Amino acid sequence: MSSIDALQADVAARRAALAGTVDELAGRLTPQALVRQNTEAAKAKFADLTTTPEGDLRVERIVAVAAAVAVVVALRVWGGRRRKRRRG
């Protein structure tokens, strides 16, 4: 085999490897794959924040988040009623 044939074979092999890599990256970056990855990451983070390593619920954190959400909702409702009274 001449060195030209060896170079051509090497180029062809590298091209095939590169094409495989590009196809793999394209598959990882589809919208469905990105949504799946982000969903899995969010679920894992939520589970990490709300459970102990033993699997028990961290009630104090859940209650704190629920209270914060309740305060935000109450402020939004109160602010909306206040603005409505000013206009009317």
N, C-alpha and C. Protein backbone atom coordinates (compact mmCIF):
# COMPACT_ATOMS: atom_id res chain seq x y z
N MET A 1 0.85 -1.17 0.00
CA MET A 1 0.00 0.00 0.00
C MET A 1 0.90 1.23 0.00
N SER A 2 0.61 2.16 -0.88
CA SER A 2 1.43 3.37 -0.96
C SER A 2 1.00 4.35 0.12
N SER A 3 1.84 5.35 0.32
CA SER A 3 1.52 6.33 1.36
C SER A 3 0.28 7.14 0.98
N ILE A 4 0.02 7.33 -0.31
CA ILE A 4 -1.18 8.06 -0.75
C ILE A 4 -2.42 7.25 -0.39
N ASP A 5 -2.38 5.96 -0.64
CA ASP A 5 -3.52 5.11 -0.29
C ASP A 5 -3.74 5.11 1.22
N ALA A 6 -2.67 5.07 1.98
CA ALA A 6 -2.78 5.10 3.44
C ALA A 6 -3.37 6.42 3.91
N LEU A 7 -2.95 7.53 3.31
CA LEU A 7 -3.49 8.84 3.68
C LEU A 7 -4.98 8.93 3.33
N GLN A 8 -5.34 8.42 2.16
CA GLN A 8 -6.74 8.46 1.76
C GLN A 8 -7.60 7.62 2.70
N ALA A 9 -7.08 6.46 3.10
CA ALA A 9 -7.81 5.61 4.04
C ALA A 9 -7.94 6.30 5.39
N ASP A 10 -6.88 6.97 5.82
CA ASP A 10 -6.90 7.70 7.10
C ASP A 10 -7.92 8.84 7.05
N VAL A 11 -7.93 9.58 5.94
CA VAL A 11 -8.89 10.68 5.79
C VAL A 11 -10.31 10.14 5.79
N ALA A 12 -10.54 9.05 5.09
CA ALA A 12 -11.88 8.45 5.05
C ALA A 12 -12.32 8.00 6.44
N ALA A 13 -11.42 7.39 7.20
CA ALA A 13 -11.75 6.94 8.55
C ALA A 13 -12.05 8.11 9.46
N ARG A 14 -11.25 9.15 9.35
CA ARG A 14 -11.49 10.35 10.19
C ARG A 14 -12.80 11.02 9.81
N ARG A 15 -13.11 11.05 8.52
CA ARG A 15 -14.36 11.65 8.05
C ARG A 15 -15.55 10.87 8.61
N ALA A 16 -15.47 9.56 8.60
CA ALA A 16 -16.55 8.73 9.13
C ALA A 16 -16.70 8.95 10.63
N ALA A 17 -15.59 9.04 11.34
CA ALA A 17 -15.65 9.28 12.78
C ALA A 17 -16.24 10.65 13.08
N LEU A 18 -15.85 11.64 12.31
CA LEU A 18 -16.37 13.00 12.50
C LEU A 18 -17.86 13.05 12.20
N ALA A 19 -18.28 12.37 11.16
CA ALA A 19 -19.71 12.34 10.82
C ALA A 19 -20.51 11.70 11.96
N GLY A 20 -19.96 10.64 12.55
CA GLY A 20 -20.63 10.01 13.68
C GLY A 20 -20.73 10.94 14.87
N THR A 21 -19.69 11.69 15.12
CA THR A 21 -19.68 12.65 16.23
C THR A 21 -20.70 13.76 15.99
N VAL A 22 -20.75 14.26 14.76
CA VAL A 22 -21.71 15.33 14.43
C VAL A 22 -23.13 14.80 14.58
N ASP A 23 -23.39 13.59 14.13
CA ASP A 23 -24.73 13.00 14.27
C ASP A 23 -25.11 12.84 15.74
N GLU A 24 -24.16 12.42 16.56
CA GLU A 24 -24.42 12.26 17.99
C GLU A 24 -24.73 13.61 18.63
N LEU A 25 -23.96 14.63 18.30
CA LEU A 25 -24.21 15.97 18.85
C LEU A 25 -25.56 16.50 18.38
N ALA A 26 -25.89 16.29 17.13
CA ALA A 26 -27.18 16.76 16.61
C ALA A 26 -28.32 16.07 17.35
N GLY A 27 -28.16 14.80 17.66
CA GLY A 27 -29.18 14.09 18.42
C GLY A 27 -29.34 14.61 19.84
N ARG A 28 -28.24 14.99 20.45
CA ARG A 28 -28.28 15.52 21.82
C ARG A 28 -28.89 16.91 21.87
N LEU A 29 -28.85 17.64 20.77
CA LEU A 29 -29.29 19.03 20.78
C LEU A 29 -30.67 19.23 20.15
N THR A 30 -31.41 18.16 19.93
CA THR A 30 -32.78 18.32 19.43
C THR A 30 -33.62 18.93 20.55
N PRO A 31 -34.66 19.66 20.19
CA PRO A 31 -35.50 20.27 21.24
C PRO A 31 -36.06 19.23 22.22
N GLN A 32 -36.46 18.06 21.71
CA GLN A 32 -37.00 17.03 22.59
C GLN A 32 -35.94 16.54 23.58
N ALA A 33 -34.72 16.37 23.11
CA ALA A 33 -33.65 15.90 23.99
C ALA A 33 -33.32 16.96 25.04
N LEU A 34 -33.30 18.21 24.64
CA LEU A 34 -33.01 19.28 25.60
C LEU A 34 -34.11 19.39 26.65
N VAL A 35 -35.36 19.26 26.23
CA VAL A 35 -36.46 19.30 27.19
C VAL A 35 -36.35 18.14 28.17
N ARG A 36 -36.05 16.95 27.65
CA ARG A 36 -35.91 15.77 28.51
C ARG A 36 -34.78 15.95 29.51
N GLN A 37 -33.63 16.47 29.04
CA GLN A 37 -32.49 16.69 29.92
C GLN A 37 -32.82 17.70 31.01
N ASN A 38 -33.46 18.81 30.63
CA ASN A 38 -33.80 19.84 31.61
C ASN A 38 -34.85 19.35 32.59
N THR A 39 -35.81 18.55 32.11
CA THR A 39 -36.83 18.00 33.00
C THR A 39 -36.20 17.06 34.02
N GLU A 40 -35.32 16.20 33.56
CA GLU A 40 -34.64 15.28 34.48
C GLU A 40 -33.79 16.04 35.49
N ALA A 41 -33.12 17.08 35.05
CA ALA A 41 -32.30 17.87 35.97
C ALA A 41 -33.17 18.58 37.01
N ALA A 42 -34.31 19.12 36.57
CA ALA A 42 -35.20 19.81 37.50
C ALA A 42 -35.79 18.83 38.52
N LYS A 43 -36.18 17.65 38.06
CA LYS A 43 -36.70 16.64 38.99
C LYS A 43 -35.65 16.23 40.01
N ALA A 44 -34.42 16.04 39.55
CA ALA A 44 -33.35 15.64 40.46
C ALA A 44 -33.07 16.73 41.48
N LYS A 45 -33.06 17.98 41.03
CA LYS A 45 -32.80 19.10 41.95
C LYS A 45 -33.94 19.21 42.97
N PHE A 46 -35.18 19.08 42.50
CA PHE A 46 -36.33 19.15 43.40
C PHE A 46 -36.27 18.03 44.44
N ALA A 47 -35.94 16.83 43.99
CA ALA A 47 -35.85 15.70 44.92
C ALA A 47 -34.72 15.93 45.91
N ASP A 48 -33.62 16.49 45.45
CA ASP A 48 -32.48 16.75 46.34
C ASP A 48 -32.83 17.80 47.39
N LEU A 49 -33.59 18.81 46.97
CA LEU A 49 -33.95 19.88 47.90
C LEU A 49 -35.04 19.47 48.89
N THR A 50 -35.89 18.53 48.51
CA THR A 50 -37.03 18.20 49.36
C THR A 50 -36.89 16.90 50.14
N THR A 51 -35.80 16.17 49.91
CA THR A 51 -35.61 14.92 50.66
C THR A 51 -34.20 14.86 51.22
N THR A 52 -34.09 14.14 52.31
CA THR A 52 -32.78 13.91 52.91
C THR A 52 -32.10 12.77 52.16
N PRO A 53 -30.82 12.56 52.38
CA PRO A 53 -30.16 11.43 51.72
C PRO A 53 -30.79 10.07 52.06
N GLU A 54 -31.46 10.00 53.21
CA GLU A 54 -32.12 8.76 53.61
C GLU A 54 -33.48 8.59 52.94
N GLY A 55 -33.98 9.64 52.27
CA GLY A 55 -35.27 9.57 51.59
C GLY A 55 -36.42 10.20 52.35
N ASP A 56 -36.15 10.77 53.52
CA ASP A 56 -37.21 11.42 54.30
C ASP A 56 -37.48 12.82 53.75
N LEU A 57 -38.75 13.25 53.85
CA LEU A 57 -39.10 14.59 53.39
C LEU A 57 -38.52 15.65 54.31
N ARG A 58 -38.08 16.74 53.71
CA ARG A 58 -37.62 17.90 54.48
C ARG A 58 -38.81 18.84 54.61
N VAL A 59 -39.63 18.57 55.60
CA VAL A 59 -40.89 19.29 55.77
C VAL A 59 -40.66 20.78 55.95
N GLU A 60 -39.61 21.14 56.68
CA GLU A 60 -39.36 22.57 56.93
C GLU A 60 -39.13 23.32 55.63
N ARG A 61 -38.46 22.71 54.67
CA ARG A 61 -38.23 23.38 53.38
C ARG A 61 -39.52 23.48 52.57
N ILE A 62 -40.30 22.41 52.59
CA ILE A 62 -41.56 22.41 51.84
C ILE A 62 -42.51 23.46 52.42
N VAL A 63 -42.59 23.55 53.73
CA VAL A 63 -43.46 24.54 54.38
C VAL A 63 -42.97 25.95 54.07
N ALA A 64 -41.67 26.17 54.09
CA ALA A 64 -41.12 27.50 53.80
C ALA A 64 -41.45 27.93 52.37
N VAL A 65 -41.32 27.03 51.43
CA VAL A 65 -41.64 27.37 50.04
C VAL A 65 -43.13 27.62 49.88
N ALA A 66 -43.96 26.80 50.51
CA ALA A 66 -45.41 26.99 50.44
C ALA A 66 -45.81 28.33 51.05
N ALA A 67 -45.19 28.69 52.15
CA ALA A 67 -45.48 29.98 52.79
C ALA A 67 -45.06 31.14 51.90
N ALA A 68 -43.91 31.02 51.27
CA ALA A 68 -43.45 32.07 50.37
C ALA A 68 -44.39 32.23 49.19
N VAL A 69 -44.85 31.13 48.63
CA VAL A 69 -45.80 31.18 47.51
C VAL A 69 -47.10 31.82 47.97
N ALA A 70 -47.57 31.47 49.14
CA ALA A 70 -48.81 32.05 49.67
C ALA A 70 -48.67 33.56 49.85
N VAL A 71 -47.53 34.02 50.35
CA VAL A 71 -47.30 35.45 50.53
C VAL A 71 -47.29 36.17 49.19
N VAL A 72 -46.63 35.60 48.21
CA VAL A 72 -46.58 36.23 46.88
C VAL A 72 -47.97 36.30 46.28
N VAL A 73 -48.74 35.24 46.38
CA VAL A 73 -50.10 35.24 45.84
C VAL A 73 -50.95 36.27 46.56
N ALA A 74 -50.85 36.33 47.88
CA ALA A 74 -51.63 37.30 48.66
C ALA A 74 -51.27 38.73 48.27
N LEU A 75 -49.99 39.01 48.09
CA LEU A 75 -49.58 40.36 47.69
C LEU A 75 -50.09 40.71 46.29
N ARG A 76 -50.08 39.75 45.39
CA ARG A 76 -50.59 40.00 44.04
C ARG A 76 -52.09 40.29 44.08
N VAL A 77 -52.83 39.52 44.85
CA VAL A 77 -54.27 39.73 44.96
C VAL A 77 -54.55 41.08 45.60
N TRP A 78 -53.87 41.37 46.67
CA TRP A 78 -54.06 42.65 47.37
C TRP A 78 -53.71 43.82 46.46
N GLY A 79 -52.60 43.72 45.74
CA GLY A 79 -52.20 44.79 44.82
C GLY A 79 -53.19 44.96 43.69
N GLY A 80 -53.73 43.89 43.17
CA GLY A 80 -54.72 43.98 42.10
C GLY A 80 -56.00 44.64 42.57
N ARG A 81 -56.44 44.31 43.77
CA ARG A 81 -57.66 44.93 44.30
C ARG A 81 -57.42 46.41 44.57
N ARG A 82 -56.23 46.71 45.05
CA ARG A 82 -55.90 48.11 45.36
C ARG A 82 -55.89 48.96 44.08
N ARG A 83 -55.28 48.42 43.02
CA ARG A 83 -55.26 49.14 41.74
C ARG A 83 -56.66 49.29 41.16
N LYS A 84 -57.48 48.25 41.35
CA LYS A 84 -58.83 48.29 40.83
C LYS A 84 -59.66 49.37 41.54
N ARG A 85 -59.47 49.53 42.86
CA ARG A 85 -60.17 50.57 43.61
C ARG A 85 -59.75 51.97 43.18
N ARG A 86 -58.47 52.15 42.88
CA ARG A 86 -57.99 53.46 42.45
C ARG A 86 -58.60 53.86 41.12
N ARG A 87 -58.75 52.92 40.22
CA ARG A 87 -59.30 53.22 38.89
C ARG A 87 -60.80 53.44 38.96
N GLY A 88 -61.48 52.70 39.79
CA GLY A 88 -62.94 52.70 39.79
C GLY A 88 -63.50 53.68 40.71
